[in-house]
Amino acid sequence: MRMKNGQKPFEKKYIRISSKRQITIPQKYYDALGFEDQAECILNDSAIVIRPVRENVGIDFKEQVLADLVSEGYSGDELVKMFSKKNSEIKDAWDKMLSEADSIANGKGEYYTLDDVFPED
């Protein structure tokens, strides 16, 4: 398996930490992973994972939310306020779903098997 620029998926490099606790992502890694202006920093057991922020992970409900609110009669400032509220609710639900998925992946949460969801009758 190779990354988009042909790199191997596992490579190790030592980097310095400044007196202000800052690090520099090596250019080669930055380019290979497609970083832009933000990074996500995750504490995972005894490791820190730094990865590019992916705002829209393949699902974007903004247009649908806006269309629904307009069809419900919202406009002007009221539309903006409701749009912001709905987007926040979606983000919260998405974050909760990802957190639950992480728990399940780490063996700490409840989950259903395919047989639970689609029993053979």
PDB file of N, CA and C in Angstrom:
ATOM      1  N   MET A   1       0.848  -1.178   0.000  1.00  0.00           N
ATOM      2  CA  MET A   1       0.000   0.000   0.000  1.00  0.00           C
ATOM      3  C   MET A   1       0.890   1.238   0.000  1.00  0.00           C
ATOM      4  N   ARG A   2       0.551   2.203  -0.840  1.00  0.00           N
ATOM      5  CA  ARG A   2       1.327   3.432  -0.924  1.00  0.00           C
ATOM      6  C   ARG A   2       0.403   4.634  -0.789  1.00  0.00           C
ATOM      7  N   MET A   3       0.958   5.729  -0.270  1.00  0.00           N
ATOM      8  CA  MET A   3       0.197   6.965  -0.144  1.00  0.00           C
ATOM      9  C   MET A   3       0.120   7.627  -1.510  1.00  0.00           C
ATOM     10  N   LYS A   4      -0.618   8.737  -1.607  1.00  0.00           N
ATOM     11  CA  LYS A   4      -0.864   9.333  -2.913  1.00  0.00           C
ATOM     12  C   LYS A   4       0.402   9.791  -3.634  1.00  0.00           C
ATOM     13  N   ASN A   5       1.485  10.038  -2.915  1.00  0.00           N
ATOM     14  CA  ASN A   5       2.725  10.418  -3.593  1.00  0.00           C
ATOM     15  C   ASN A   5       3.712   9.256  -3.668  1.00  0.00           C
ATOM     16  N   GLY A   6       3.244   8.028  -3.408  1.00  0.00           N
ATOM     17  CA  GLY A   6       4.070   6.846  -3.537  1.00  0.00           C
ATOM     18  C   GLY A   6       4.843   6.462  -2.288  1.00  0.00           C
ATOM     19  N   GLN A   7       4.666   7.176  -1.180  1.00  0.00           N
ATOM     20  CA  GLN A   7       5.378   6.845   0.048  1.00  0.00           C
ATOM     21  C   GLN A   7       4.832   5.567   0.659  1.00  0.00           C
ATOM     22  N   LYS A   8       5.670   4.921   1.449  1.00  0.00           N
ATOM     23  CA  LYS A   8       5.225   3.783   2.233  1.00  0.00           C
ATOM     24  C   LYS A   8       4.323   4.306   3.343  1.00  0.00           C
ATOM     25  N   PRO A   9       3.329   3.525   3.793  1.00  0.00           N
ATOM     26  CA  PRO A   9       2.406   4.022   4.811  1.00  0.00           C
ATOM     27  C   PRO A   9       3.019   4.167   6.201  1.00  0.00           C
ATOM     28  N   PHE A  10       4.165   3.558   6.481  1.00  0.00           N
ATOM     29  CA  PHE A  10       4.777   3.715   7.796  1.00  0.00           C
ATOM     30  C   PHE A  10       6.196   4.209   7.611  1.00  0.00           C
ATOM     31  N   GLU A  11       6.465   5.329   8.218  1.00  0.00           N
ATOM     32  CA  GLU A  11       7.800   5.910   8.166  1.00  0.00           C
ATOM     33  C   GLU A  11       8.005   6.652   9.472  1.00  0.00           C
ATOM     34  N   LYS A  12       9.208   6.638   9.987  1.00  0.00           N
ATOM     35  CA  LYS A  12       9.485   7.252  11.278  1.00  0.00           C
ATOM     36  C   LYS A  12      10.487   8.385  11.100  1.00  0.00           C
ATOM     37  N   LYS A  13      10.248   9.489  11.790  1.00  0.00           N
ATOM     38  CA  LYS A  13      11.154  10.629  11.742  1.00  0.00           C
ATOM     39  C   LYS A  13      11.093  11.333  13.087  1.00  0.00           C
ATOM     40  N   TYR A  14      12.239  11.701  13.613  1.00  0.00           N
ATOM     41  CA  TYR A  14      12.287  12.463  14.861  1.00  0.00           C
ATOM     42  C   TYR A  14      12.195  13.941  14.534  1.00  0.00           C
ATOM     43  N   ILE A  15      11.379  14.672  15.310  1.00  0.00           N
ATOM     44  CA  ILE A  15      11.237  16.110  15.112  1.00  0.00           C
ATOM     45  C   ILE A  15      11.447  16.812  16.441  1.00  0.00           C
ATOM     46  N   ARG A  16      11.867  18.038  16.381  1.00  0.00           N
ATOM     47  CA  ARG A  16      12.108  18.825  17.595  1.00  0.00           C
ATOM     48  C   ARG A  16      10.810  19.440  18.097  1.00  0.00           C
ATOM     49  N   ILE A  17      10.756  19.637  19.396  1.00  0.00           N
ATOM     50  CA  ILE A  17       9.658  20.360  20.028  1.00  0.00           C
ATOM     51  C   ILE A  17      10.246  21.657  20.566  1.00  0.00           C
ATOM     52  N   SER A  18       9.669  22.795  20.164  1.00  0.00           N
ATOM     53  CA  SER A  18      10.204  24.085  20.588  1.00  0.00           C
ATOM     54  C   SER A  18       9.884  24.343  22.060  1.00  0.00           C
ATOM     55  N   SER A  19      10.466  25.400  22.603  1.00  0.00           N
ATOM     56  CA  SER A  19      10.192  25.766  23.998  1.00  0.00           C
ATOM     57  C   SER A  19       8.729  26.153  24.199  1.00  0.00           C
ATOM     58  N   LYS A  20       8.046  26.468  23.102  1.00  0.00           N
ATOM     59  CA  LYS A  20       6.609  26.798  23.174  1.00  0.00           C
ATOM     60  C   LYS A  20       5.745  25.575  22.861  1.00  0.00           C
ATOM     61  N   ARG A  21       6.337  24.379  22.914  1.00  0.00           N
ATOM     62  CA  ARG A  21       5.659  23.106  22.650  1.00  0.00           C
ATOM     63  C   ARG A  21       5.184  22.997  21.197  1.00  0.00           C
ATOM     64  N   GLN A  22       5.840  23.668  20.276  1.00  0.00           N
ATOM     65  CA  GLN A  22       5.450  23.630  18.874  1.00  0.00           C
ATOM     66  C   GLN A  22       6.299  22.623  18.116  1.00  0.00           C
ATOM     67  N   ILE A  23       5.669  22.014  17.101  1.00  0.00           N
ATOM     68  CA  ILE A  23       6.391  21.092  16.232  1.00  0.00           C
ATOM     69  C   ILE A  23       6.176  21.533  14.790  1.00  0.00           C
ATOM     70  N   THR A  24       7.039  21.066  13.922  1.00  0.00           N
ATOM     71  CA  THR A  24       6.880  21.304  12.489  1.00  0.00           C
ATOM     72  C   THR A  24       6.661  19.960  11.822  1.00  0.00           C
ATOM     73  N   ILE A  25       5.603  19.862  11.056  1.00  0.00           N
ATOM     74  CA  ILE A  25       5.320  18.633  10.313  1.00  0.00           C
ATOM     75  C   ILE A  25       6.262  18.623   9.112  1.00  0.00           C
ATOM     76  N   PRO A  26       7.040  17.563   8.943  1.00  0.00           N
ATOM     77  CA  PRO A  26       7.942  17.514   7.789  1.00  0.00           C
ATOM     78  C   PRO A  26       7.167  17.716   6.478  1.00  0.00           C
ATOM     79  N   GLN A  27       7.735  18.499   5.574  1.00  0.00           N
ATOM     80  CA  GLN A  27       7.070  18.844   4.308  1.00  0.00           C
ATOM     81  C   GLN A  27       6.580  17.610   3.562  1.00  0.00           C
ATOM     82  N   LYS A  28       7.387  16.577   3.540  1.00  0.00           N
ATOM     83  CA  LYS A  28       7.040  15.340   2.839  1.00  0.00           C
ATOM     84  C   LYS A  28       5.750  14.732   3.411  1.00  0.00           C
ATOM     85  N   TYR A  29       5.599  14.740   4.744  1.00  0.00           N
ATOM     86  CA  TYR A  29       4.401  14.199   5.391  1.00  0.00           C
ATOM     87  C   TYR A  29       3.207  15.126   5.153  1.00  0.00           C
ATOM     88  N   TYR A  30       3.464  16.412   5.265  1.00  0.00           N
ATOM     89  CA  TYR A  30       2.428  17.431   5.060  1.00  0.00           C
ATOM     90  C   TYR A  30       1.798  17.266   3.676  1.00  0.00           C
ATOM     91  N   ASP A  31       2.645  17.142   2.658  1.00  0.00           N
ATOM     92  CA  ASP A  31       2.162  16.987   1.288  1.00  0.00           C
ATOM     93  C   ASP A  31       1.476  15.645   1.076  1.00  0.00           C
ATOM     94  N   ALA A  32       2.063  14.577   1.617  1.00  0.00           N
ATOM     95  CA  ALA A  32       1.524  13.233   1.406  1.00  0.00           C
ATOM     96  C   ALA A  32       0.123  13.077   1.985  1.00  0.00           C
ATOM     97  N   LEU A  33      -0.132  13.742   3.119  1.00  0.00           N
ATOM     98  CA  LEU A  33      -1.425  13.586   3.781  1.00  0.00           C
ATOM     99  C   LEU A  33      -2.428  14.672   3.406  1.00  0.00           C
ATOM    100  N   GLY A  34      -1.981  15.678   2.676  1.00  0.00           N
ATOM    101  CA  GLY A  34      -2.900  16.716   2.215  1.00  0.00           C
ATOM    102  C   GLY A  34      -3.336  17.684   3.294  1.00  0.00           C
ATOM    103  N   PHE A  35      -2.425  18.047   4.190  1.00  0.00           N
ATOM    104  CA  PHE A  35      -2.758  19.037   5.216  1.00  0.00           C
ATOM    105  C   PHE A  35      -3.105  20.363   4.548  1.00  0.00           C
ATOM    106  N   GLU A  36      -3.976  21.120   5.205  1.00  0.00           N
ATOM    107  CA  GLU A  36      -4.280  22.474   4.750  1.00  0.00           C
ATOM    108  C   GLU A  36      -3.977  23.423   5.893  1.00  0.00           C
ATOM    109  N   ASP A  37      -5.001  24.083   6.451  1.00  0.00           N
ATOM    110  CA  ASP A  37      -4.727  25.079   7.491  1.00  0.00           C
ATOM    111  C   ASP A  37      -5.028  24.604   8.910  1.00  0.00           C
ATOM    112  N   GLN A  38      -5.488  23.371   9.083  1.00  0.00           N
ATOM    113  CA  GLN A  38      -5.763  22.851  10.415  1.00  0.00           C
ATOM    114  C   GLN A  38      -5.342  21.394  10.518  1.00  0.00           C
ATOM    115  N   ALA A  39      -4.985  21.011  11.747  1.00  0.00           N
ATOM    116  CA  ALA A  39      -4.662  19.617  12.033  1.00  0.00           C
ATOM    117  C   ALA A  39      -5.496  19.181  13.228  1.00  0.00           C
ATOM    118  N   GLU A  40      -5.850  17.917  13.241  1.00  0.00           N
ATOM    119  CA  GLU A  40      -6.573  17.329  14.361  1.00  0.00           C
ATOM    120  C   GLU A  40      -5.546  16.596  15.211  1.00  0.00           C
ATOM    121  N   CYS A  41      -5.555  16.846  16.507  1.00  0.00           N
ATOM    122  CA  CYS A  41      -4.602  16.231  17.426  1.00  0.00           C
ATOM    123  C   CYS A  41      -5.382  15.322  18.376  1.00  0.00           C
ATOM    124  N   ILE A  42      -5.033  14.037  18.391  1.00  0.00           N
ATOM    125  CA  ILE A  42      -5.783  13.043  19.157  1.00  0.00           C
ATOM    126  C   ILE A  42      -4.838  12.328  20.121  1.00  0.00           C
ATOM    127  N   LEU A  43      -5.215  12.277  21.393  1.00  0.00           N
ATOM    128  CA  LEU A  43      -4.464  11.498  22.373  1.00  0.00           C
ATOM    129  C   LEU A  43      -5.053  10.092  22.382  1.00  0.00           C
ATOM    130  N   ASN A  44      -4.238   9.103  22.055  1.00  0.00           N
ATOM    131  CA  ASN A  44      -4.692   7.723  21.952  1.00  0.00           C
ATOM    132  C   ASN A  44      -3.728   6.846  22.745  1.00  0.00           C
ATOM    133  N   ASP A  45      -4.143   6.467  23.958  1.00  0.00           N
ATOM    134  CA  ASP A  45      -3.292   5.709  24.869  1.00  0.00           C
ATOM    135  C   ASP A  45      -1.978   6.459  25.085  1.00  0.00           C
ATOM    136  N   SER A  46      -0.864   5.925  24.602  1.00  0.00           N
ATOM    137  CA  SER A  46       0.435   6.562  24.822  1.00  0.00           C
ATOM    138  C   SER A  46       0.967   7.238  23.563  1.00  0.00           C
ATOM    139  N   ALA A  47       0.071   7.581  22.637  1.00  0.00           N
ATOM    140  CA  ALA A  47       0.496   8.207  21.381  1.00  0.00           C
ATOM    141  C   ALA A  47      -0.350   9.434  21.079  1.00  0.00           C
ATOM    142  N   ILE A  48       0.247  10.349  20.354  1.00  0.00           N
ATOM    143  CA  ILE A  48      -0.484  11.503  19.829  1.00  0.00           C
ATOM    144  C   ILE A  48      -0.585  11.298  18.327  1.00  0.00           C
ATOM    145  N   VAL A  49      -1.797  11.373  17.809  1.00  0.00           N
ATOM    146  CA  VAL A  49      -2.029  11.249  16.372  1.00  0.00           C
ATOM    147  C   VAL A  49      -2.347  12.648  15.856  1.00  0.00           C
ATOM    148  N   ILE A  50      -1.612  13.083  14.858  1.00  0.00           N
ATOM    149  CA  ILE A  50      -1.863  14.384  14.233  1.00  0.00           C
ATOM    150  C   ILE A  50      -2.224  14.102  12.792  1.00  0.00           C
ATOM    151  N   ARG A  51      -3.416  14.542  12.397  1.00  0.00           N
ATOM    152  CA  ARG A  51      -3.859  14.267  11.034  1.00  0.00           C
ATOM    153  C   ARG A  51      -4.605  15.476  10.487  1.00  0.00           C
ATOM    154  N   PRO A  52      -4.738  15.551   9.162  1.00  0.00           N
ATOM    155  CA  PRO A  52      -5.453  16.684   8.570  1.00  0.00           C
ATOM    156  C   PRO A  52      -6.919  16.690   9.009  1.00  0.00           C
ATOM    157  N   VAL A  53      -7.472  17.870   9.161  1.00  0.00           N
ATOM    158  CA  VAL A  53      -8.890  18.009   9.466  1.00  0.00           C
ATOM    159  C   VAL A  53      -9.660  17.813   8.173  1.00  0.00           C
ATOM    160  N   ARG A  54     -10.645  16.982   8.240  1.00  0.00           N
ATOM    161  CA  ARG A  54     -11.522  16.737   7.092  1.00  0.00           C
ATOM    162  C   ARG A  54     -12.886  17.276   7.453  1.00  0.00           C
ATOM    163  N   GLU A  55     -13.191  18.477   6.998  1.00  0.00           N
ATOM    164  CA  GLU A  55     -14.460  19.132   7.345  1.00  0.00           C
ATOM    165  C   GLU A  55     -15.661  18.322   6.886  1.00  0.00           C
ATOM    166  N   ASN A  56     -15.695  17.988   5.636  1.00  0.00           N
ATOM    167  CA  ASN A  56     -16.816  17.235   5.102  1.00  0.00           C
ATOM    168  C   ASN A  56     -16.335  15.838   4.775  1.00  0.00           C
ATOM    169  N   VAL A  57     -16.687  14.906   5.602  1.00  0.00           N
ATOM    170  CA  VAL A  57     -16.208  13.542   5.438  1.00  0.00           C
ATOM    171  C   VAL A  57     -17.114  12.742   4.502  1.00  0.00           C
ATOM    172  N   GLY A  58     -17.522  13.368   3.413  1.00  0.00           N
ATOM    173  CA  GLY A  58     -18.330  12.675   2.428  1.00  0.00           C
ATOM    174  C   GLY A  58     -19.820  12.903   2.585  1.00  0.00           C
ATOM    175  N   ILE A  59     -20.231  13.491   3.691  1.00  0.00           N
ATOM    176  CA  ILE A  59     -21.648  13.730   3.899  1.00  0.00           C
ATOM    177  C   ILE A  59     -21.826  15.202   4.229  1.00  0.00           C
ATOM    178  N   ASP A  60     -22.575  15.908   3.400  1.00  0.00           N
ATOM    179  CA  ASP A  60     -22.810  17.327   3.631  1.00  0.00           C
ATOM    180  C   ASP A  60     -24.312  17.575   3.521  1.00  0.00           C
ATOM    181  N   PHE A  61     -24.897  17.939   4.641  1.00  0.00           N
ATOM    182  CA  PHE A  61     -26.342  18.124   4.698  1.00  0.00           C
ATOM    183  C   PHE A  61     -26.761  19.580   4.559  1.00  0.00           C
ATOM    184  N   LYS A  62     -25.810  20.490   4.358  1.00  0.00           N
ATOM    185  CA  LYS A  62     -26.126  21.914   4.385  1.00  0.00           C
ATOM    186  C   LYS A  62     -27.193  22.310   3.368  1.00  0.00           C
ATOM    187  N   GLU A  63     -27.052  21.837   2.142  1.00  0.00           N
ATOM    188  CA  GLU A  63     -28.035  22.199   1.115  1.00  0.00           C
ATOM    189  C   GLU A  63     -29.418  21.655   1.466  1.00  0.00           C
ATOM    190  N   GLN A  64     -29.468  20.419   1.973  1.00  0.00           N
ATOM    191  CA  GLN A  64     -30.754  19.827   2.342  1.00  0.00           C
ATOM    192  C   GLN A  64     -31.379  20.570   3.514  1.00  0.00           C
ATOM    193  N   VAL A  65     -30.562  20.920   4.508  1.00  0.00           N
ATOM    194  CA  VAL A  65     -31.064  21.674   5.669  1.00  0.00           C
ATOM    195  C   VAL A  65     -31.630  22.998   5.207  1.00  0.00           C
ATOM    196  N   LEU A  66     -30.889  23.701   4.371  1.00  0.00           N
ATOM    197  CA  LEU A  66     -31.348  25.002   3.875  1.00  0.00           C
ATOM    198  C   LEU A  66     -32.650  24.864   3.090  1.00  0.00           C
ATOM    199  N   ALA A  67     -32.724  23.874   2.214  1.00  0.00           N
ATOM    200  CA  ALA A  67     -33.939  23.653   1.431  1.00  0.00           C
ATOM    201  C   ALA A  67     -35.133  23.354   2.335  1.00  0.00           C
ATOM    202  N   ASP A  68     -34.922  22.516   3.349  1.00  0.00           N
ATOM    203  CA  ASP A  68     -36.002  22.188   4.281  1.00  0.00           C
ATOM    204  C   ASP A  68     -36.486  23.425   5.033  1.00  0.00           C
ATOM    205  N   LEU A  69     -35.548  24.242   5.496  1.00  0.00           N
ATOM    206  CA  LEU A  69     -35.928  25.438   6.257  1.00  0.00           C
ATOM    207  C   LEU A  69     -36.681  26.439   5.387  1.00  0.00           C
ATOM    208  N   VAL A  70     -36.245  26.587   4.146  1.00  0.00           N
ATOM    209  CA  VAL A  70     -36.949  27.491   3.229  1.00  0.00           C
ATOM    210  C   VAL A  70     -38.356  26.968   2.969  1.00  0.00           C
ATOM    211  N   SER A  71     -38.487  25.643   2.780  1.00  0.00           N
ATOM    212  CA  SER A  71     -39.814  25.062   2.535  1.00  0.00           C
ATOM    213  C   SER A  71     -40.723  25.185   3.754  1.00  0.00           C
ATOM    214  N   GLU A  72     -40.112  25.315   4.952  1.00  0.00           N
ATOM    215  CA  GLU A  72     -40.891  25.508   6.172  1.00  0.00           C
ATOM    216  C   GLU A  72     -41.264  26.977   6.380  1.00  0.00           C
ATOM    217  N   GLY A  73     -40.824  27.848   5.471  1.00  0.00           N
ATOM    218  CA  GLY A  73     -41.225  29.252   5.535  1.00  0.00           C
ATOM    219  C   GLY A  73     -40.231  30.194   6.190  1.00  0.00           C
ATOM    220  N   TYR A  74     -39.051  29.711   6.558  1.00  0.00           N
ATOM    221  CA  TYR A  74     -38.053  30.580   7.177  1.00  0.00           C
ATOM    222  C   TYR A  74     -37.408  31.469   6.119  1.00  0.00           C
ATOM    223  N   SER A  75     -37.092  32.693   6.509  1.00  0.00           N
ATOM    224  CA  SER A  75     -36.366  33.604   5.622  1.00  0.00           C
ATOM    225  C   SER A  75     -35.636  34.643   6.472  1.00  0.00           C
ATOM    226  N   GLY A  76     -34.758  35.376   5.838  1.00  0.00           N
ATOM    227  CA  GLY A  76     -34.046  36.462   6.503  1.00  0.00           C
ATOM    228  C   GLY A  76     -33.246  36.002   7.709  1.00  0.00           C
ATOM    229  N   ASP A  77     -33.245  36.836   8.752  1.00  0.00           N
ATOM    230  CA  ASP A  77     -32.473  36.546   9.966  1.00  0.00           C
ATOM    231  C   ASP A  77     -32.926  35.261  10.647  1.00  0.00           C
ATOM    232  N   GLU A  78     -34.235  34.999  10.574  1.00  0.00           N
ATOM    233  CA  GLU A  78     -34.769  33.782  11.191  1.00  0.00           C
ATOM    234  C   GLU A  78     -34.206  32.532  10.488  1.00  0.00           C
ATOM    235  N   LEU A  79     -34.073  32.607   9.160  1.00  0.00           N
ATOM    236  CA  LEU A  79     -33.492  31.499   8.400  1.00  0.00           C
ATOM    237  C   LEU A  79     -32.040  31.270   8.810  1.00  0.00           C
ATOM    238  N   VAL A  80     -31.286  32.348   8.934  1.00  0.00           N
ATOM    239  CA  VAL A  80     -29.878  32.236   9.330  1.00  0.00           C
ATOM    240  C   VAL A  80     -29.756  31.602  10.712  1.00  0.00           C
ATOM    241  N   LYS A  81     -30.601  32.051  11.649  1.00  0.00           N
ATOM    242  CA  LYS A  81     -30.561  31.529  13.012  1.00  0.00           C
ATOM    243  C   LYS A  81     -30.902  30.033  13.040  1.00  0.00           C
ATOM    244  N   MET A  82     -31.952  29.637  12.352  1.00  0.00           N
ATOM    245  CA  MET A  82     -32.357  28.227  12.329  1.00  0.00           C
ATOM    246  C   MET A  82     -31.332  27.356  11.596  1.00  0.00           C
ATOM    247  N   PHE A  83     -30.750  27.895  10.526  1.00  0.00           N
ATOM    248  CA  PHE A  83     -29.734  27.165   9.778  1.00  0.00           C
ATOM    249  C   PHE A  83     -28.528  26.867  10.672  1.00  0.00           C
ATOM    250  N   SER A  84     -28.110  27.860  11.426  1.00  0.00           N
ATOM    251  CA  SER A  84     -26.988  27.693  12.354  1.00  0.00           C
ATOM    252  C   SER A  84     -27.322  26.643  13.414  1.00  0.00           C
ATOM    253  N   LYS A  85     -28.541  26.707  13.955  1.00  0.00           N
ATOM    254  CA  LYS A  85     -28.972  25.756  14.981  1.00  0.00           C
ATOM    255  C   LYS A  85     -28.983  24.331  14.431  1.00  0.00           C
ATOM    256  N   LYS A  86     -29.549  24.148  13.250  1.00  0.00           N
ATOM    257  CA  LYS A  86     -29.639  22.807  12.650  1.00  0.00           C
ATOM    258  C   LYS A  86     -28.248  22.253  12.343  1.00  0.00           C
ATOM    259  N   ASN A  87     -27.354  23.102  11.828  1.00  0.00           N
ATOM    260  CA  ASN A  87     -25.995  22.640  11.546  1.00  0.00           C
ATOM    261  C   ASN A  87     -25.287  22.209  12.812  1.00  0.00           C
ATOM    262  N   SER A  88     -25.512  22.934  13.894  1.00  0.00           N
ATOM    263  CA  SER A  88     -24.912  22.578  15.179  1.00  0.00           C
ATOM    264  C   SER A  88     -25.445  21.232  15.661  1.00  0.00           C
ATOM    265  N   GLU A  89     -26.745  21.016  15.504  1.00  0.00           N
ATOM    266  CA  GLU A  89     -27.343  19.742  15.907  1.00  0.00           C
ATOM    267  C   GLU A  89     -26.769  18.576  15.098  1.00  0.00           C
ATOM    268  N   ILE A  90     -26.579  18.798  13.811  1.00  0.00           N
ATOM    269  CA  ILE A  90     -26.014  17.748  12.956  1.00  0.00           C
ATOM    270  C   ILE A  90     -24.581  17.464  13.374  1.00  0.00           C
ATOM    271  N   LYS A  91     -23.797  18.512  13.624  1.00  0.00           N
ATOM    272  CA  LYS A  91     -22.408  18.325  14.046  1.00  0.00           C
ATOM    273  C   LYS A  91     -22.349  17.555  15.364  1.00  0.00           C
ATOM    274  N   ASP A  92     -23.209  17.928  16.323  1.00  0.00           N
ATOM    275  CA  ASP A  92     -23.236  17.223  17.608  1.00  0.00           C
ATOM    276  C   ASP A  92     -23.581  15.746  17.424  1.00  0.00           C
ATOM    277  N   ALA A  93     -24.574  15.464  16.581  1.00  0.00           N
ATOM    278  CA  ALA A  93     -24.981  14.079  16.326  1.00  0.00           C
ATOM    279  C   ALA A  93     -23.852  13.307  15.635  1.00  0.00           C
ATOM    280  N   TRP A  94     -23.180  13.953  14.696  1.00  0.00           N
ATOM    281  CA  TRP A  94     -22.073  13.328  13.971  1.00  0.00           C
ATOM    282  C   TRP A  94     -20.930  13.016  14.938  1.00  0.00           C
ATOM    283  N   ASP A  95     -20.583  13.984  15.794  1.00  0.00           N
ATOM    284  CA  ASP A  95     -19.514  13.779  16.779  1.00  0.00           C
ATOM    285  C   ASP A  95     -19.856  12.639  17.728  1.00  0.00           C
ATOM    286  N   LYS A  96     -21.118  12.560  18.162  1.00  0.00           N
ATOM    287  CA  LYS A  96     -21.546  11.485  19.059  1.00  0.00           C
ATOM    288  C   LYS A  96     -21.431  10.134  18.356  1.00  0.00           C
ATOM    289  N   MET A  97     -21.846  10.087  17.102  1.00  0.00           N
ATOM    290  CA  MET A  97     -21.779   8.850  16.345  1.00  0.00           C
ATOM    291  C   MET A  97     -20.322   8.389  16.178  1.00  0.00           C
ATOM    292  N   LEU A  98     -19.422   9.326  15.886  1.00  0.00           N
ATOM    293  CA  LEU A  98     -18.009   8.970  15.742  1.00  0.00           C
ATOM    294  C   LEU A  98     -17.406   8.517  17.068  1.00  0.00           C
ATOM    295  N   SER A  99     -17.795   9.164  18.149  1.00  0.00           N
ATOM    296  CA  SER A  99     -17.307   8.776  19.470  1.00  0.00           C
ATOM    297  C   SER A  99     -17.764   7.361  19.815  1.00  0.00           C
ATOM    298  N   GLU A 100     -19.028   7.063  19.539  1.00  0.00           N
ATOM    299  CA  GLU A 100     -19.546   5.720  19.780  1.00  0.00           C
ATOM    300  C   GLU A 100     -18.816   4.689  18.921  1.00  0.00           C
ATOM    301  N   ALA A 101     -18.533   5.050  17.666  1.00  0.00           N
ATOM    302  CA  ALA A 101     -17.806   4.135  16.781  1.00  0.00           C
ATOM    303  C   ALA A 101     -16.403   3.876  17.311  1.00  0.00           C
ATOM    304  N   ASP A 102     -15.736   4.925  17.821  1.00  0.00           N
ATOM    305  CA  ASP A 102     -14.405   4.753  18.409  1.00  0.00           C
ATOM    306  C   ASP A 102     -14.467   3.823  19.616  1.00  0.00           C
ATOM    307  N   SER A 103     -15.485   3.996  20.465  1.00  0.00           N
ATOM    308  CA  SER A 103     -15.642   3.127  21.641  1.00  0.00           C
ATOM    309  C   SER A 103     -15.828   1.675  21.226  1.00  0.00           C
ATOM    310  N   ILE A 104     -16.655   1.462  20.241  1.00  0.00           N
ATOM    311  CA  ILE A 104     -16.899   0.097  19.757  1.00  0.00           C
ATOM    312  C   ILE A 104     -15.611  -0.487  19.179  1.00  0.00           C
ATOM    313  N   ALA A 105     -14.890   0.317  18.402  1.00  0.00           N
ATOM    314  CA  ALA A 105     -13.633  -0.155  17.806  1.00  0.00           C
ATOM    315  C   ALA A 105     -12.603  -0.516  18.870  1.00  0.00           C
ATOM    316  N   ASN A 106     -12.675   0.168  20.012  1.00  0.00           N
ATOM    317  CA  ASN A 106     -11.753  -0.108  21.114  1.00  0.00           C
ATOM    318  C   ASN A 106     -12.307  -1.147  22.085  1.00  0.00           C
ATOM    319  N   GLY A 107     -13.413  -1.795  21.714  1.00  0.00           N
ATOM    320  CA  GLY A 107     -13.990  -2.859  22.527  1.00  0.00           C
ATOM    321  C   GLY A 107     -14.701  -2.370  23.770  1.00  0.00           C
ATOM    322  N   LYS A 108     -15.092  -1.106  23.810  1.00  0.00           N
ATOM    323  CA  LYS A 108     -15.695  -0.538  25.013  1.00  0.00           C
ATOM    324  C   LYS A 108     -17.173  -0.195  24.859  1.00  0.00           C
ATOM    325  N   GLY A 109     -17.746  -0.440  23.727  1.00  0.00           N
ATOM    326  CA  GLY A 109     -19.140  -0.048  23.535  1.00  0.00           C
ATOM    327  C   GLY A 109     -19.991  -1.194  23.048  1.00  0.00           C
ATOM    328  N   GLU A 110     -21.292  -0.989  23.106  1.00  0.00           N
ATOM    329  CA  GLU A 110     -22.221  -1.998  22.601  1.00  0.00           C
ATOM    330  C   GLU A 110     -22.327  -1.889  21.094  1.00  0.00           C
ATOM    331  N   TYR A 111     -22.526  -3.003  20.455  1.00  0.00           N
ATOM    332  CA  TYR A 111     -22.690  -2.996  19.007  1.00  0.00           C
ATOM    333  C   TYR A 111     -23.597  -4.151  18.608  1.00  0.00           C
ATOM    334  N   TYR A 112     -24.087  -4.072  17.375  1.00  0.00           N
ATOM    335  CA  TYR A 112     -24.926  -5.127  16.835  1.00  0.00           C
ATOM    336  C   TYR A 112     -24.185  -5.817  15.703  1.00  0.00           C
ATOM    337  N   THR A 113     -24.342  -7.124  15.611  1.00  0.00           N
ATOM    338  CA  THR A 113     -23.766  -7.861  14.501  1.00  0.00           C
ATOM    339  C   THR A 113     -24.735  -7.829  13.339  1.00  0.00           C
ATOM    340  N   LEU A 114     -24.283  -8.257  12.171  1.00  0.00           N
ATOM    341  CA  LEU A 114     -25.169  -8.340  11.020  1.00  0.00           C
ATOM    342  C   LEU A 114     -26.343  -9.285  11.302  1.00  0.00           C
ATOM    343  N   ASP A 115     -26.072 -10.357  12.026  1.00  0.00           N
ATOM    344  CA  ASP A 115     -27.141 -11.296  12.381  1.00  0.00           C
ATOM    345  C   ASP A 115     -28.171 -10.663  13.305  1.00  0.00           C
ATOM    346  N   ASP A 116     -27.732  -9.733  14.178  1.00  0.00           N
ATOM    347  CA  ASP A 116     -28.674  -9.024  15.027  1.00  0.00           C
ATOM    348  C   ASP A 116     -29.591  -8.119  14.201  1.00  0.00           C
ATOM    349  N   VAL A 117     -28.986  -7.456  13.234  1.00  0.00           N
ATOM    350  CA  VAL A 117     -29.755  -6.511  12.424  1.00  0.00           C
ATOM    351  C   VAL A 117     -30.590  -7.209  11.366  1.00  0.00           C
ATOM    352  N   PHE A 118     -30.018  -8.268  10.751  1.00  0.00           N
ATOM    353  CA  PHE A 118     -30.714  -9.000   9.702  1.00  0.00           C
ATOM    354  C   PHE A 118     -30.802 -10.483  10.063  1.00  0.00           C
ATOM    355  N   PRO A 119     -31.683 -10.799  11.017  1.00  0.00           N
ATOM    356  CA  PRO A 119     -31.788 -12.198  11.439  1.00  0.00           C
ATOM    357  C   PRO A 119     -32.338 -13.084  10.319  1.00  0.00           C
ATOM    358  N   GLU A 120     -31.866 -14.314  10.303  1.00  0.00           N
ATOM    359  CA  GLU A 120     -32.385 -15.274   9.323  1.00  0.00           C
ATOM    360  C   GLU A 120     -33.626 -15.911   9.934  1.00  0.00           C
ATOM    361  N   ASP A 121     -34.772 -15.645   9.347  1.00  0.00           N
ATOM    362  CA  ASP A 121     -36.014 -16.211   9.878  1.00  0.00           C
ATOM    363  C   ASP A 121     -36.419 -17.455   9.154  1.00  0.00           C
TER     364      ASP A 121
END
